[in-house]
Amino acid sequence: MNKEELIAKLKVIIRPYTANNEAYDNLTENTDFIKDLEINSANLVDIVLDIEENFDVVIDNTDMERMLDVKTAVEIIETKLAAK
């Protein structure tokens, strides 16, 4: 799975939790989940759980705390997929 495919899949996962539709439509690697998409911290946990389920990976607390933007999320997912 290349980075563009991964971001497309991630975008589908975060859609239900996004409050700012304009930021969602213009999502890039630099998009911040909380500041740009206005996703609350409780929903970030739901997103991590959805990522684990969709990508069949386990994300530990350290990685979860770092997962605040698209770029970091993609890096973490790529690392977890490569380790499988």
Protein backbone atom coordinates (compact mmCIF):
# COMPACT_ATOMS: atom_id res chain seq x y z
CA MET A 1 0.00 0.00 0.00
CA ASN A 2 1.54 3.31 -1.03
CA LYS A 3 1.28 6.58 0.93
CA GLU A 4 -1.56 7.98 -1.22
CA GLU A 5 -3.64 4.82 -0.73
CA LEU A 6 -2.94 4.90 2.99
CA ILE A 7 -4.00 8.56 3.26
CA ALA A 8 -7.18 7.81 1.26
CA LYS A 9 -8.05 4.97 3.65
CA LEU A 10 -7.23 7.15 6.67
CA LYS A 11 -9.45 9.91 5.28
CA VAL A 12 -12.42 7.51 5.17
CA ILE A 13 -11.74 6.50 8.79
CA ILE A 14 -11.62 10.06 10.13
CA ARG A 15 -14.62 11.39 8.15
CA PRO A 16 -17.33 10.61 10.76
CA TYR A 17 -15.37 12.45 13.47
CA THR A 18 -14.54 15.60 11.49
CA ALA A 19 -16.23 18.87 12.49
CA ASN A 20 -14.55 21.10 9.88
CA ASN A 21 -15.65 19.93 6.43
CA GLU A 22 -13.58 22.51 4.55
CA ALA A 23 -10.37 21.34 6.23
CA TYR A 24 -11.39 17.74 5.56
CA ASP A 25 -11.91 18.45 1.86
CA ASN A 26 -8.44 20.05 1.71
CA LEU A 27 -6.72 17.39 3.85
CA THR A 28 -2.94 17.09 3.42
CA GLU A 29 -0.15 15.42 5.38
CA ASN A 30 0.12 18.62 7.43
CA THR A 31 -3.53 18.55 8.55
CA ASP A 32 -3.84 18.52 12.34
CA PHE A 33 -6.67 16.37 13.70
CA ILE A 34 -7.56 18.71 16.58
CA LYS A 35 -6.71 22.19 15.28
CA ASP A 36 -7.71 21.79 11.62
CA LEU A 37 -10.37 19.09 11.60
CA GLU A 38 -11.73 20.03 15.04
CA ILE A 39 -11.80 16.43 16.21
CA ASN A 40 -12.06 16.19 19.99
CA SER A 41 -9.65 14.10 22.02
CA ALA A 42 -12.25 11.44 22.85
CA ASN A 43 -12.85 10.89 19.16
CA LEU A 44 -9.11 10.60 18.56
CA VAL A 45 -9.22 7.43 20.63
CA ASP A 46 -12.04 6.14 18.40
CA ILE A 47 -9.95 6.96 15.33
CA VAL A 48 -7.00 5.00 16.72
CA LEU A 49 -9.26 2.02 17.41
CA ASP A 50 -10.65 2.25 13.86
CA ILE A 51 -7.11 2.44 12.45
CA GLU A 52 -6.14 -0.67 14.42
CA GLU A 53 -9.15 -2.52 13.08
CA ASN A 54 -8.86 -1.37 9.45
CA PHE A 55 -5.11 -1.89 9.14
CA ASP A 56 -4.89 -4.91 11.49
CA VAL A 57 -2.20 -3.27 13.64
CA VAL A 58 -1.75 -2.52 17.34
CA ILE A 59 -0.97 1.07 18.32
CA ASP A 60 0.59 1.49 21.75
CA ASN A 61 0.00 4.47 24.04
CA THR A 62 3.25 6.20 23.04
CA ASP A 63 2.30 6.15 19.36
CA MET A 64 -1.28 7.09 20.18
CA GLU A 65 -0.11 10.23 21.99
CA ARG A 66 1.97 11.24 18.93
CA MET A 67 -0.85 10.66 16.44
CA LEU A 68 -2.10 14.26 16.20
CA ASP A 69 -1.75 14.92 12.49
CA VAL A 70 -2.04 13.07 9.20
CA LYS A 71 1.72 12.86 8.59
CA THR A 72 2.47 11.26 11.96
CA ALA A 73 -0.49 8.90 11.63
CA VAL A 74 0.74 7.75 8.23
CA GLU A 75 4.30 7.24 9.55
CA ILE A 76 3.03 5.18 12.49
CA ILE A 77 0.77 3.05 10.28
CA GLU A 78 3.57 2.48 7.75
CA THR A 79 5.94 1.42 10.54
CA LYS A 80 3.37 -0.97 12.01
CA LEU A 81 2.55 -2.47 8.60
CA ALA A 82 6.25 -2.93 7.78
CA ALA A 83 6.76 -4.78 11.07
CA LYS A 84 4.06 -7.35 10.28
